[in-house]
Amino acid sequence: MADGMGINVETLKEDVVTRLADCETGGKANRDALIVTDANGQASLGRLQFQTRTVIAYTREIEDRRIDAGEARRIALDANRSSALAKKIIFERDGAAHWHHCARKLGLYQEVKAIQRLAH
């Protein structure tokens, strides 16, 4: 969807998710397969550093679909599926707060609000 000024909202959303993934992975190689133990002792997976329980919860909330931990890990480690989920979380739910460090570092809170206004 483009606004009257030729701005493609989906492209803006994709750019946010791409920059967020770059920040979350810190430029590491093979970032789609990246697994890191977070400060809370839980594994964060893939380019967007999803935790299994987060993927399970949002898949249930957004898609009204129940998945197991194995499917959640597959989603987190799949670039396309994890990006799609992140876009829904960021732009249709509670924003970029799940990625607070990088969202703050990249100035995404205000940018997300601006994109949400363009989308409506």
PDB file of N, CA and C in Angstrom:
ATOM      1  N   MET A   1       0.841  -1.169   0.000  1.00  0.00           N
ATOM      2  CA  MET A   1       0.000   0.000   0.000  1.00  0.00           C
ATOM      3  C   MET A   1       0.891   1.239   0.000  1.00  0.00           C
ATOM      4  N   ALA A   2       0.609   2.179  -0.869  1.00  0.00           N
ATOM      5  CA  ALA A   2       1.363   3.423  -0.946  1.00  0.00           C
ATOM      6  C   ALA A   2       0.437   4.577  -0.594  1.00  0.00           C
ATOM      7  N   ASP A   3       0.995   5.580   0.053  1.00  0.00           N
ATOM      8  CA  ASP A   3       0.168   6.751   0.321  1.00  0.00           C
ATOM      9  C   ASP A   3       0.201   7.658  -0.902  1.00  0.00           C
ATOM     10  N   GLY A   4      -0.446   8.799  -0.837  1.00  0.00           N
ATOM     11  CA  GLY A   4      -0.526   9.712  -1.971  1.00  0.00           C
ATOM     12  C   GLY A   4       0.808  10.295  -2.378  1.00  0.00           C
ATOM     13  N   MET A   5       1.829  10.136  -1.555  1.00  0.00           N
ATOM     14  CA  MET A   5       3.146  10.684  -1.861  1.00  0.00           C
ATOM     15  C   MET A   5       4.083   9.609  -2.401  1.00  0.00           C
ATOM     16  N   GLY A   6       3.544   8.432  -2.675  1.00  0.00           N
ATOM     17  CA  GLY A   6       4.366   7.363  -3.247  1.00  0.00           C
ATOM     18  C   GLY A   6       5.162   6.571  -2.229  1.00  0.00           C
ATOM     19  N   ILE A   7       4.839   6.719  -0.965  1.00  0.00           N
ATOM     20  CA  ILE A   7       5.550   5.986   0.068  1.00  0.00           C
ATOM     21  C   ILE A   7       4.896   4.613   0.223  1.00  0.00           C
ATOM     22  N   ASN A   8       5.677   3.558   0.085  1.00  0.00           N
ATOM     23  CA  ASN A   8       5.167   2.214   0.238  1.00  0.00           C
ATOM     24  C   ASN A   8       5.337   1.795   1.692  1.00  0.00           C
ATOM     25  N   VAL A   9       4.233   1.643   2.380  1.00  0.00           N
ATOM     26  CA  VAL A   9       4.243   1.334   3.806  1.00  0.00           C
ATOM     27  C   VAL A   9       4.882  -0.036   4.062  1.00  0.00           C
ATOM     28  N   GLU A  10       4.591  -1.010   3.222  1.00  0.00           N
ATOM     29  CA  GLU A  10       5.186  -2.344   3.420  1.00  0.00           C
ATOM     30  C   GLU A  10       6.710  -2.294   3.306  1.00  0.00           C
ATOM     31  N   THR A  11       7.224  -1.477   2.400  1.00  0.00           N
ATOM     32  CA  THR A  11       8.674  -1.327   2.262  1.00  0.00           C
ATOM     33  C   THR A  11       9.261  -0.705   3.522  1.00  0.00           C
ATOM     34  N   LEU A  12       8.578   0.272   4.089  1.00  0.00           N
ATOM     35  CA  LEU A  12       9.035   0.892   5.330  1.00  0.00           C
ATOM     36  C   LEU A  12       9.051  -0.122   6.475  1.00  0.00           C
ATOM     37  N   LYS A  13       8.010  -0.954   6.545  1.00  0.00           N
ATOM     38  CA  LYS A  13       7.951  -1.983   7.588  1.00  0.00           C
ATOM     39  C   LYS A  13       9.094  -2.990   7.419  1.00  0.00           C
ATOM     40  N   GLU A  14       9.322  -3.414   6.186  1.00  0.00           N
ATOM     41  CA  GLU A  14      10.414  -4.361   5.913  1.00  0.00           C
ATOM     42  C   GLU A  14      11.754  -3.767   6.319  1.00  0.00           C
ATOM     43  N   ASP A  15      11.948  -2.498   6.040  1.00  0.00           N
ATOM     44  CA  ASP A  15      13.199  -1.827   6.399  1.00  0.00           C
ATOM     45  C   ASP A  15      13.400  -1.822   7.917  1.00  0.00           C
ATOM     46  N   VAL A  16      12.346  -1.555   8.663  1.00  0.00           N
ATOM     47  CA  VAL A  16      12.435  -1.570  10.122  1.00  0.00           C
ATOM     48  C   VAL A  16      12.862  -2.943  10.611  1.00  0.00           C
ATOM     49  N   VAL A  17      12.213  -3.999  10.094  1.00  0.00           N
ATOM     50  CA  VAL A  17      12.522  -5.360  10.534  1.00  0.00           C
ATOM     51  C   VAL A  17      13.947  -5.747  10.139  1.00  0.00           C
ATOM     52  N   THR A  18      14.387  -5.351   8.954  1.00  0.00           N
ATOM     53  CA  THR A  18      15.748  -5.657   8.500  1.00  0.00           C
ATOM     54  C   THR A  18      16.780  -4.983   9.396  1.00  0.00           C
ATOM     55  N   ARG A  19      16.584  -3.718   9.687  1.00  0.00           N
ATOM     56  CA  ARG A  19      17.525  -2.998  10.559  1.00  0.00           C
ATOM     57  C   ARG A  19      17.516  -3.561  11.971  1.00  0.00           C
ATOM     58  N   LEU A  20      16.332  -3.942  12.445  1.00  0.00           N
ATOM     59  CA  LEU A  20      16.229  -4.547  13.760  1.00  0.00           C
ATOM     60  C   LEU A  20      16.997  -5.865  13.801  1.00  0.00           C
ATOM     61  N   ALA A  21      16.847  -6.692  12.776  1.00  0.00           N
ATOM     62  CA  ALA A  21      17.569  -7.970  12.716  1.00  0.00           C
ATOM     63  C   ALA A  21      19.074  -7.741  12.657  1.00  0.00           C
ATOM     64  N   ASP A  22      19.510  -6.750  11.900  1.00  0.00           N
ATOM     65  CA  ASP A  22      20.943  -6.443  11.830  1.00  0.00           C
ATOM     66  C   ASP A  22      21.483  -6.069  13.204  1.00  0.00           C
ATOM     67  N   CYS A  23      20.719  -5.279  13.938  1.00  0.00           N
ATOM     68  CA  CYS A  23      21.142  -4.877  15.278  1.00  0.00           C
ATOM     69  C   CYS A  23      21.133  -6.073  16.230  1.00  0.00           C
ATOM     70  N   GLU A  24      20.072  -6.851  16.191  1.00  0.00           N
ATOM     71  CA  GLU A  24      19.932  -7.995  17.109  1.00  0.00           C
ATOM     72  C   GLU A  24      21.054  -9.019  16.926  1.00  0.00           C
ATOM     73  N   THR A  25      21.508  -9.207  15.705  1.00  0.00           N
ATOM     74  CA  THR A  25      22.534 -10.214  15.448  1.00  0.00           C
ATOM     75  C   THR A  25      23.937  -9.639  15.491  1.00  0.00           C
ATOM     76  N   GLY A  26      24.056  -8.347  15.593  1.00  0.00           N
ATOM     77  CA  GLY A  26      25.366  -7.726  15.728  1.00  0.00           C
ATOM     78  C   GLY A  26      26.316  -8.027  14.584  1.00  0.00           C
ATOM     79  N   GLY A  27      25.776  -8.249  13.393  1.00  0.00           N
ATOM     80  CA  GLY A  27      26.621  -8.494  12.224  1.00  0.00           C
ATOM     81  C   GLY A  27      27.248  -9.881  12.174  1.00  0.00           C
ATOM     82  N   LYS A  28      26.790 -10.779  13.021  1.00  0.00           N
ATOM     83  CA  LYS A  28      27.351 -12.137  13.027  1.00  0.00           C
ATOM     84  C   LYS A  28      27.004 -12.889  11.739  1.00  0.00           C
ATOM     85  N   ALA A  29      27.899 -13.756  11.328  1.00  0.00           N
ATOM     86  CA  ALA A  29      27.666 -14.588  10.150  1.00  0.00           C
ATOM     87  C   ALA A  29      26.574 -15.605  10.455  1.00  0.00           C
ATOM     88  N   ASN A  30      25.914 -16.077   9.416  1.00  0.00           N
ATOM     89  CA  ASN A  30      24.866 -17.091   9.526  1.00  0.00           C
ATOM     90  C   ASN A  30      23.835 -16.706  10.590  1.00  0.00           C
ATOM     91  N   ARG A  31      23.363 -15.483  10.510  1.00  0.00           N
ATOM     92  CA  ARG A  31      22.488 -14.953  11.547  1.00  0.00           C
ATOM     93  C   ARG A  31      21.140 -15.638  11.634  1.00  0.00           C
ATOM     94  N   ASP A  32      20.693 -16.288  10.551  1.00  0.00           N
ATOM     95  CA  ASP A  32      19.418 -16.997  10.629  1.00  0.00           C
ATOM     96  C   ASP A  32      19.494 -18.190  11.566  1.00  0.00           C
ATOM     97  N   ALA A  33      20.672 -18.753  11.756  1.00  0.00           N
ATOM     98  CA  ALA A  33      20.844 -19.914  12.626  1.00  0.00           C
ATOM     99  C   ALA A  33      21.395 -19.529  14.000  1.00  0.00           C
ATOM    100  N   LEU A  34      21.521 -18.253  14.266  1.00  0.00           N
ATOM    101  CA  LEU A  34      22.113 -17.774  15.512  1.00  0.00           C
ATOM    102  C   LEU A  34      21.263 -18.167  16.721  1.00  0.00           C
ATOM    103  N   ILE A  35      21.907 -18.723  17.722  1.00  0.00           N
ATOM    104  CA  ILE A  35      21.253 -19.060  18.984  1.00  0.00           C
ATOM    105  C   ILE A  35      22.105 -18.466  20.100  1.00  0.00           C
ATOM    106  N   VAL A  36      21.475 -17.643  20.930  1.00  0.00           N
ATOM    107  CA  VAL A  36      22.162 -16.948  22.013  1.00  0.00           C
ATOM    108  C   VAL A  36      21.374 -17.162  23.291  1.00  0.00           C
ATOM    109  N   THR A  37      22.064 -17.330  24.413  1.00  0.00           N
ATOM    110  CA  THR A  37      21.389 -17.394  25.704  1.00  0.00           C
ATOM    111  C   THR A  37      21.253 -15.981  26.229  1.00  0.00           C
ATOM    112  N   ASP A  38      20.004 -15.569  26.476  1.00  0.00           N
ATOM    113  CA  ASP A  38      19.728 -14.226  26.978  1.00  0.00           C
ATOM    114  C   ASP A  38      20.027 -14.112  28.467  1.00  0.00           C
ATOM    115  N   ALA A  39      19.934 -12.889  28.956  1.00  0.00           N
ATOM    116  CA  ALA A  39      20.165 -12.622  30.374  1.00  0.00           C
ATOM    117  C   ALA A  39      19.198 -13.400  31.262  1.00  0.00           C
ATOM    118  N   ASN A  40      18.016 -13.739  30.728  1.00  0.00           N
ATOM    119  CA  ASN A  40      17.041 -14.491  31.519  1.00  0.00           C
ATOM    120  C   ASN A  40      17.273 -16.002  31.450  1.00  0.00           C
ATOM    121  N   GLY A  41      18.363 -16.416  30.802  1.00  0.00           N
ATOM    122  CA  GLY A  41      18.713 -17.823  30.725  1.00  0.00           C
ATOM    123  C   GLY A  41      17.999 -18.597  29.632  1.00  0.00           C
ATOM    124  N   GLN A  42      17.184 -17.918  28.848  1.00  0.00           N
ATOM    125  CA  GLN A  42      16.438 -18.553  27.765  1.00  0.00           C
ATOM    126  C   GLN A  42      17.177 -18.381  26.440  1.00  0.00           C
ATOM    127  N   ALA A  43      17.016 -19.341  25.557  1.00  0.00           N
ATOM    128  CA  ALA A  43      17.634 -19.254  24.235  1.00  0.00           C
ATOM    129  C   ALA A  43      16.854 -18.280  23.363  1.00  0.00           C
ATOM    130  N   SER A  44      17.566 -17.422  22.674  1.00  0.00           N
ATOM    131  CA  SER A  44      16.981 -16.532  21.676  1.00  0.00           C
ATOM    132  C   SER A  44      17.505 -16.999  20.328  1.00  0.00           C
ATOM    133  N   LEU A  45      16.584 -17.143  19.376  1.00  0.00           N
ATOM    134  CA  LEU A  45      16.889 -17.824  18.128  1.00  0.00           C
ATOM    135  C   LEU A  45      16.738 -16.942  16.899  1.00  0.00           C
ATOM    136  N   GLY A  46      17.632 -17.146  15.938  1.00  0.00           N
ATOM    137  CA  GLY A  46      17.501 -16.537  14.624  1.00  0.00           C
ATOM    138  C   GLY A  46      17.857 -15.071  14.563  1.00  0.00           C
ATOM    139  N   ARG A  47      17.593 -14.518  13.411  1.00  0.00           N
ATOM    140  CA  ARG A  47      17.987 -13.139  13.138  1.00  0.00           C
ATOM    141  C   ARG A  47      17.247 -12.113  13.991  1.00  0.00           C
ATOM    142  N   LEU A  48      16.065 -12.454  14.481  1.00  0.00           N
ATOM    143  CA  LEU A  48      15.310 -11.533  15.317  1.00  0.00           C
ATOM    144  C   LEU A  48      15.319 -11.931  16.786  1.00  0.00           C
ATOM    145  N   GLN A  49      16.124 -12.935  17.108  1.00  0.00           N
ATOM    146  CA  GLN A  49      16.349 -13.350  18.492  1.00  0.00           C
ATOM    147  C   GLN A  49      15.048 -13.598  19.251  1.00  0.00           C
ATOM    148  N   PHE A  50      14.157 -14.381  18.645  1.00  0.00           N
ATOM    149  CA  PHE A  50      12.908 -14.771  19.284  1.00  0.00           C
ATOM    150  C   PHE A  50      13.148 -15.854  20.323  1.00  0.00           C
ATOM    151  N   GLN A  51      12.450 -15.773  21.420  1.00  0.00           N
ATOM    152  CA  GLN A  51      12.414 -16.876  22.363  1.00  0.00           C
ATOM    153  C   GLN A  51      11.225 -17.760  21.998  1.00  0.00           C
ATOM    154  N   THR A  52      11.358 -19.046  22.252  1.00  0.00           N
ATOM    155  CA  THR A  52      10.327 -20.012  21.884  1.00  0.00           C
ATOM    156  C   THR A  52       8.964 -19.623  22.430  1.00  0.00           C
ATOM    157  N   ARG A  53       8.918 -19.253  23.698  1.00  0.00           N
ATOM    158  CA  ARG A  53       7.624 -18.921  24.314  1.00  0.00           C
ATOM    159  C   ARG A  53       6.976 -17.694  23.675  1.00  0.00           C
ATOM    160  N   THR A  54       7.787 -16.767  23.196  1.00  0.00           N
ATOM    161  CA  THR A  54       7.249 -15.581  22.528  1.00  0.00           C
ATOM    162  C   THR A  54       6.587 -15.969  21.213  1.00  0.00           C
ATOM    163  N   VAL A  55       7.243 -16.820  20.444  1.00  0.00           N
ATOM    164  CA  VAL A  55       6.682 -17.275  19.167  1.00  0.00           C
ATOM    165  C   VAL A  55       5.382 -18.036  19.412  1.00  0.00           C
ATOM    166  N   ILE A  56       5.373 -18.903  20.407  1.00  0.00           N
ATOM    167  CA  ILE A  56       4.169 -19.666  20.727  1.00  0.00           C
ATOM    168  C   ILE A  56       3.020 -18.720  21.098  1.00  0.00           C
ATOM    169  N   ALA A  57       3.293 -17.768  21.971  1.00  0.00           N
ATOM    170  CA  ALA A  57       2.250 -16.852  22.446  1.00  0.00           C
ATOM    171  C   ALA A  57       1.692 -15.994  21.315  1.00  0.00           C
ATOM    172  N   TYR A  58       2.558 -15.415  20.498  1.00  0.00           N
ATOM    173  CA  TYR A  58       2.068 -14.544  19.438  1.00  0.00           C
ATOM    174  C   TYR A  58       1.426 -15.308  18.289  1.00  0.00           C
ATOM    175  N   THR A  59       1.872 -16.522  18.030  1.00  0.00           N
ATOM    176  CA  THR A  59       1.210 -17.325  17.003  1.00  0.00           C
ATOM    177  C   THR A  59      -0.217 -17.632  17.458  1.00  0.00           C
ATOM    178  N   ARG A  60      -0.389 -17.933  18.726  1.00  0.00           N
ATOM    179  CA  ARG A  60      -1.727 -18.188  19.260  1.00  0.00           C
ATOM    180  C   ARG A  60      -2.567 -16.910  19.214  1.00  0.00           C
ATOM    181  N   GLU A  61      -1.989 -15.780  19.626  1.00  0.00           N
ATOM    182  CA  GLU A  61      -2.737 -14.520  19.675  1.00  0.00           C
ATOM    183  C   GLU A  61      -3.076 -13.988  18.287  1.00  0.00           C
ATOM    184  N   ILE A  62      -2.117 -13.984  17.384  1.00  0.00           N
ATOM    185  CA  ILE A  62      -2.297 -13.364  16.074  1.00  0.00           C
ATOM    186  C   ILE A  62      -3.003 -14.282  15.085  1.00  0.00           C
ATOM    187  N   GLU A  63      -2.606 -15.551  15.074  1.00  0.00           N
ATOM    188  CA  GLU A  63      -3.147 -16.483  14.082  1.00  0.00           C
ATOM    189  C   GLU A  63      -4.200 -17.419  14.657  1.00  0.00           C
ATOM    190  N   ASP A  64      -4.442 -17.328  15.964  1.00  0.00           N
ATOM    191  CA  ASP A  64      -5.368 -18.230  16.640  1.00  0.00           C
ATOM    192  C   ASP A  64      -5.015 -19.685  16.344  1.00  0.00           C
ATOM    193  N   ARG A  65      -3.713 -19.951  16.445  1.00  0.00           N
ATOM    194  CA  ARG A  65      -3.195 -21.281  16.124  1.00  0.00           C
ATOM    195  C   ARG A  65      -2.225 -21.698  17.218  1.00  0.00           C
ATOM    196  N   ARG A  66      -2.380 -22.934  17.679  1.00  0.00           N
ATOM    197  CA  ARG A  66      -1.488 -23.466  18.711  1.00  0.00           C
ATOM    198  C   ARG A  66      -0.349 -24.229  18.038  1.00  0.00           C
ATOM    199  N   ILE A  67       0.874 -23.941  18.511  1.00  0.00           N
ATOM    200  CA  ILE A  67       2.048 -24.640  17.992  1.00  0.00           C
ATOM    201  C   ILE A  67       2.861 -25.166  19.159  1.00  0.00           C
ATOM    202  N   ASP A  68       3.713 -26.149  18.882  1.00  0.00           N
ATOM    203  CA  ASP A  68       4.585 -26.670  19.930  1.00  0.00           C
ATOM    204  C   ASP A  68       5.945 -25.965  19.858  1.00  0.00           C
ATOM    205  N   ALA A  69       6.807 -26.294  20.790  1.00  0.00           N
ATOM    206  CA  ALA A  69       8.118 -25.650  20.875  1.00  0.00           C
ATOM    207  C   ALA A  69       8.955 -25.899  19.622  1.00  0.00           C
ATOM    208  N   GLY A  70       8.845 -27.085  19.040  1.00  0.00           N
ATOM    209  CA  GLY A  70       9.602 -27.389  17.823  1.00  0.00           C
ATOM    210  C   GLY A  70       9.200 -26.488  16.670  1.00  0.00           C
ATOM    211  N   GLU A  71       7.906 -26.295  16.485  1.00  0.00           N
ATOM    212  CA  GLU A  71       7.428 -25.405  15.421  1.00  0.00           C
ATOM    213  C   GLU A  71       7.832 -23.963  15.712  1.00  0.00           C
ATOM    214  N   ALA A  72       7.784 -23.566  16.974  1.00  0.00           N
ATOM    215  CA  ALA A  72       8.201 -22.209  17.349  1.00  0.00           C
ATOM    216  C   ALA A  72       9.668 -21.986  16.995  1.00  0.00           C
ATOM    217  N   ARG A  73      10.505 -22.976  17.259  1.00  0.00           N
ATOM    218  CA  ARG A  73      11.927 -22.843  16.910  1.00  0.00           C
ATOM    219  C   ARG A  73      12.108 -22.760  15.395  1.00  0.00           C
ATOM    220  N   ARG A  74      11.348 -23.547  14.648  1.00  0.00           N
ATOM    221  CA  ARG A  74      11.453 -23.490  13.178  1.00  0.00           C
ATOM    222  C   ARG A  74      11.048 -22.116  12.652  1.00  0.00           C
ATOM    223  N   ILE A  75      10.006 -21.538  13.224  1.00  0.00           N
ATOM    224  CA  ILE A  75       9.592 -20.186  12.820  1.00  0.00           C
ATOM    225  C   ILE A  75      10.696 -19.181  13.148  1.00  0.00           C
ATOM    226  N   ALA A  76      11.228 -19.243  14.357  1.00  0.00           N
ATOM    227  CA  ALA A  76      12.261 -18.294  14.789  1.00  0.00           C
ATOM    228  C   ALA A  76      13.511 -18.368  13.919  1.00  0.00           C
ATOM    229  N   LEU A  77      13.819 -19.559  13.421  1.00  0.00           N
ATOM    230  CA  LEU A  77      15.035 -19.752  12.629  1.00  0.00           C
ATOM    231  C   LEU A  77      14.815 -19.568  11.128  1.00  0.00           C
ATOM    232  N   ASP A  78      13.584 -19.339  10.710  1.00  0.00           N
ATOM    233  CA  ASP A  78      13.265 -19.118   9.299  1.00  0.00           C
ATOM    234  C   ASP A  78      13.143 -17.612   9.056  1.00  0.00           C
ATOM    235  N   ALA A  79      14.000 -17.070   8.217  1.00  0.00           N
ATOM    236  CA  ALA A  79      14.051 -15.615   8.009  1.00  0.00           C
ATOM    237  C   ALA A  79      12.706 -15.034   7.591  1.00  0.00           C
ATOM    238  N   ASN A  80      12.038 -15.666   6.655  1.00  0.00           N
ATOM    239  CA  ASN A  80      10.763 -15.127   6.164  1.00  0.00           C
ATOM    240  C   ASN A  80       9.663 -15.205   7.209  1.00  0.00           C
ATOM    241  N   ARG A  81       9.556 -16.340   7.858  1.00  0.00           N
ATOM    242  CA  ARG A  81       8.493 -16.511   8.853  1.00  0.00           C
ATOM    243  C   ARG A  81       8.732 -15.651  10.085  1.00  0.00           C
ATOM    244  N   SER A  82       9.979 -15.545  10.523  1.00  0.00           N
ATOM    245  CA  SER A  82      10.260 -14.723  11.702  1.00  0.00           C
ATOM    246  C   SER A  82      10.059 -13.242  11.391  1.00  0.00           C
ATOM    247  N   SER A  83      10.412 -12.826  10.181  1.00  0.00           N
ATOM    248  CA  SER A  83      10.192 -11.428   9.786  1.00  0.00           C
ATOM    249  C   SER A  83       8.706 -11.102   9.723  1.00  0.00           C
ATOM    250  N   ALA A  84       7.918 -12.015   9.178  1.00  0.00           N
ATOM    251  CA  ALA A  84       6.471 -11.802   9.094  1.00  0.00           C
ATOM    252  C   ALA A  84       5.866 -11.681  10.488  1.00  0.00           C
ATOM    253  N   LEU A  85       6.298 -12.544  11.402  1.00  0.00           N
ATOM    254  CA  LEU A  85       5.796 -12.482  12.766  1.00  0.00           C
ATOM    255  C   LEU A  85       6.231 -11.181  13.439  1.00  0.00           C
ATOM    256  N   ALA A  86       7.478 -10.799  13.266  1.00  0.00           N
ATOM    257  CA  ALA A  86       7.973  -9.553  13.868  1.00  0.00           C
ATOM    258  C   ALA A  86       7.190  -8.351  13.354  1.00  0.00           C
ATOM    259  N   LYS A  87       6.907  -8.312  12.059  1.00  0.00           N
ATOM    260  CA  LYS A  87       6.122  -7.196  11.510  1.00  0.00           C
ATOM    261  C   LYS A  87       4.750  -7.119  12.164  1.00  0.00           C
ATOM    262  N   LYS A  88       4.119  -8.258  12.353  1.00  0.00           N
ATOM    263  CA  LYS A  88       2.796  -8.254  12.988  1.00  0.00           C
ATOM    264  C   LYS A  88       2.892  -7.781  14.435  1.00  0.00           C
ATOM    265  N   ILE A  89       3.906  -8.246  15.152  1.00  0.00           N
ATOM    266  CA  ILE A  89       4.084  -7.827  16.548  1.00  0.00           C
ATOM    267  C   ILE A  89       4.349  -6.323  16.616  1.00  0.00           C
ATOM    268  N   ILE A  90       5.250  -5.856  15.788  1.00  0.00           N
ATOM    269  CA  ILE A  90       5.666  -4.453  15.837  1.00  0.00           C
ATOM    270  C   ILE A  90       4.568  -3.507  15.376  1.00  0.00           C
ATOM    271  N   PHE A  91       3.899  -3.838  14.279  1.00  0.00           N
ATOM    272  CA  PHE A  91       2.968  -2.877  13.676  1.00  0.00           C
ATOM    273  C   PHE A  91       1.495  -3.136  13.978  1.00  0.00           C
ATOM    274  N   GLU A  92       1.146  -4.338  14.450  1.00  0.00           N
ATOM    275  CA  GLU A  92      -0.258  -4.637  14.727  1.00  0.00           C
ATOM    276  C   GLU A  92      -0.539  -4.898  16.202  1.00  0.00           C
ATOM    277  N   ARG A  93       0.503  -5.094  16.976  1.00  0.00           N
ATOM    278  CA  ARG A  93       0.318  -5.384  18.395  1.00  0.00           C
ATOM    279  C   ARG A  93       1.006  -4.322  19.243  1.00  0.00           C
ATOM    280  N   ASP A  94       1.958  -4.740  20.054  1.00  0.00           N
ATOM    281  CA  ASP A  94       2.511  -3.828  21.056  1.00  0.00           C
ATOM    282  C   ASP A  94       3.837  -3.179  20.690  1.00  0.00           C
ATOM    283  N   GLY A  95       4.173  -3.150  19.421  1.00  0.00           N
ATOM    284  CA  GLY A  95       5.341  -2.404  18.994  1.00  0.00           C
ATOM    285  C   GLY A  95       6.663  -3.127  19.158  1.00  0.00           C
ATOM    286  N   ALA A  96       7.707  -2.366  19.216  1.00  0.00           N
ATOM    287  CA  ALA A  96       9.072  -2.896  19.202  1.00  0.00           C
ATOM    288  C   ALA A  96       9.632  -3.158  20.599  1.00  0.00           C
ATOM    289  N   ALA A  97       8.795  -3.137  21.608  1.00  0.00           N
ATOM    290  CA  ALA A  97       9.271  -3.275  22.988  1.00  0.00           C
ATOM    291  C   ALA A  97       9.977  -4.600  23.258  1.00  0.00           C
ATOM    292  N   HIS A  98       9.655  -5.646  22.516  1.00  0.00           N
ATOM    293  CA  HIS A  98      10.330  -6.933  22.716  1.00  0.00           C
ATOM    294  C   HIS A  98      11.808  -6.852  22.337  1.00  0.00           C
ATOM    295  N   TRP A  99      12.141  -5.870  21.562  1.00  0.00           N
ATOM    296  CA  TRP A  99      13.525  -5.651  21.125  1.00  0.00           C
ATOM    297  C   TRP A  99      13.984  -4.287  21.634  1.00  0.00           C
ATOM    298  N   HIS A 100      13.735  -4.018  22.909  1.00  0.00           N
ATOM    299  CA  HIS A 100      13.923  -2.677  23.468  1.00  0.00           C
ATOM    300  C   HIS A 100      15.311  -2.095  23.221  1.00  0.00           C
ATOM    301  N   HIS A 101      16.353  -2.867  23.486  1.00  0.00           N
ATOM    302  CA  HIS A 101      17.714  -2.332  23.334  1.00  0.00           C
ATOM    303  C   HIS A 101      17.934  -1.819  21.910  1.00  0.00           C
ATOM    304  N   CYS A 102      17.676  -2.647  20.929  1.00  0.00           N
ATOM    305  CA  CYS A 102      17.902  -2.239  19.539  1.00  0.00           C
ATOM    306  C   CYS A 102      16.865  -1.217  19.073  1.00  0.00           C
ATOM    307  N   ALA A 103      15.636  -1.343  19.534  1.00  0.00           N
ATOM    308  CA  ALA A 103      14.604  -0.365  19.150  1.00  0.00           C
ATOM    309  C   ALA A 103      14.997   1.031  19.632  1.00  0.00           C
ATOM    310  N   ARG A 104      15.497   1.097  20.848  1.00  0.00           N
ATOM    311  CA  ARG A 104      15.941   2.387  21.387  1.00  0.00           C
ATOM    312  C   ARG A 104      17.171   2.886  20.640  1.00  0.00           C
ATOM    313  N   LYS A 105      18.121   1.988  20.450  1.00  0.00           N
ATOM    314  CA  LYS A 105      19.370   2.339  19.765  1.00  0.00           C
ATOM    315  C   LYS A 105      19.110   2.863  18.350  1.00  0.00           C
ATOM    316  N   LEU A 106      18.138   2.267  17.660  1.00  0.00           N
ATOM    317  CA  LEU A 106      17.831   2.640  16.276  1.00  0.00           C
ATOM    318  C   LEU A 106      16.754   3.721  16.159  1.00  0.00           C
ATOM    319  N   GLY A 107      16.184   4.120  17.279  1.00  0.00           N
ATOM    320  CA  GLY A 107      15.121   5.131  17.249  1.00  0.00           C
ATOM    321  C   GLY A 107      13.832   4.621  16.624  1.00  0.00           C
ATOM    322  N   LEU A 108      13.528   3.342  16.842  1.00  0.00           N
ATOM    323  CA  LEU A 108      12.380   2.741  16.171  1.00  0.00           C
ATOM    324  C   LEU A 108      11.032   3.095  16.785  1.00  0.00           C
ATOM    325  N   TYR A 109      10.991   3.467  18.039  1.00  0.00           N
ATOM    326  CA  TYR A 109       9.691   3.737  18.653  1.00  0.00           C
ATOM    327  C   TYR A 109       8.925   4.828  17.904  1.00  0.00           C
ATOM    328  N   GLN A 110       9.562   5.928  17.631  1.00  0.00           N
ATOM    329  CA  GLN A 110       8.901   7.014  16.899  1.00  0.00           C
ATOM    330  C   GLN A 110       8.658   6.632  15.440  1.00  0.00           C
ATOM    331  N   GLU A 111       9.612   5.933  14.850  1.00  0.00           N
ATOM    332  CA  GLU A 111       9.472   5.514  13.457  1.00  0.00           C
ATOM    333  C   GLU A 111       8.286   4.568  13.282  1.00  0.00           C
ATOM    334  N   VAL A 112       8.123   3.640  14.192  1.00  0.00           N
ATOM    335  CA  VAL A 112       6.998   2.701  14.129  1.00  0.00           C
ATOM    336  C   VAL A 112       5.680   3.468  14.223  1.00  0.00           C
ATOM    337  N   LYS A 113       5.598   4.418  15.132  1.00  0.00           N
ATOM    338  CA  LYS A 113       4.366   5.222  15.265  1.00  0.00           C
ATOM    339  C   LYS A 113       4.060   5.969  13.965  1.00  0.00           C
ATOM    340  N   ALA A 114       5.082   6.525  13.330  1.00  0.00           N
ATOM    341  CA  ALA A 114       4.891   7.247  12.076  1.00  0.00           C
ATOM    342  C   ALA A 114       4.404   6.322  10.976  1.00  0.00           C
ATOM    343  N   ILE A 115       4.972   5.139  10.889  1.00  0.00           N
ATOM    344  CA  ILE A 115       4.561   4.171   9.880  1.00  0.00           C
ATOM    345  C   ILE A 115       3.139   3.703  10.143  1.00  0.00           C
ATOM    346  N   GLN A 116       2.793   3.501  11.394  1.00  0.00           N
ATOM    347  CA  GLN A 116       1.429   3.107  11.734  1.00  0.00           C
ATOM    348  C   GLN A 116       0.427   4.189  11.318  1.00  0.00           C
ATOM    349  N   ARG A 117       0.797   5.445  11.469  1.00  0.00           N
ATOM    350  CA  ARG A 117      -0.096   6.543  11.045  1.00  0.00           C
ATOM    351  C   ARG A 117      -0.248   6.537   9.526  1.00  0.00           C
ATOM    352  N   LEU A 118       0.843   6.265   8.808  1.00  0.00           N
ATOM    353  CA  LEU A 118       0.763   6.198   7.341  1.00  0.00           C
ATOM    354  C   LEU A 118      -0.131   5.054   6.865  1.00  0.00           C
ATOM    355  N   ALA A 119      -0.120   3.965   7.626  1.00  0.00           N
ATOM    356  CA  ALA A 119      -0.868   2.772   7.228  1.00  0.00           C
ATOM    357  C   ALA A 119      -2.383   2.947   7.403  1.00  0.00           C
ATOM    358  N   HIS A 120      -2.790   3.914   8.191  1.00  0.00           N
ATOM    359  CA  HIS A 120      -4.223   4.088   8.455  1.00  0.00           C
ATOM    360  C   HIS A 120      -4.816   5.198   7.671  1.00  0.00           C
TER     361      HIS A 120
END
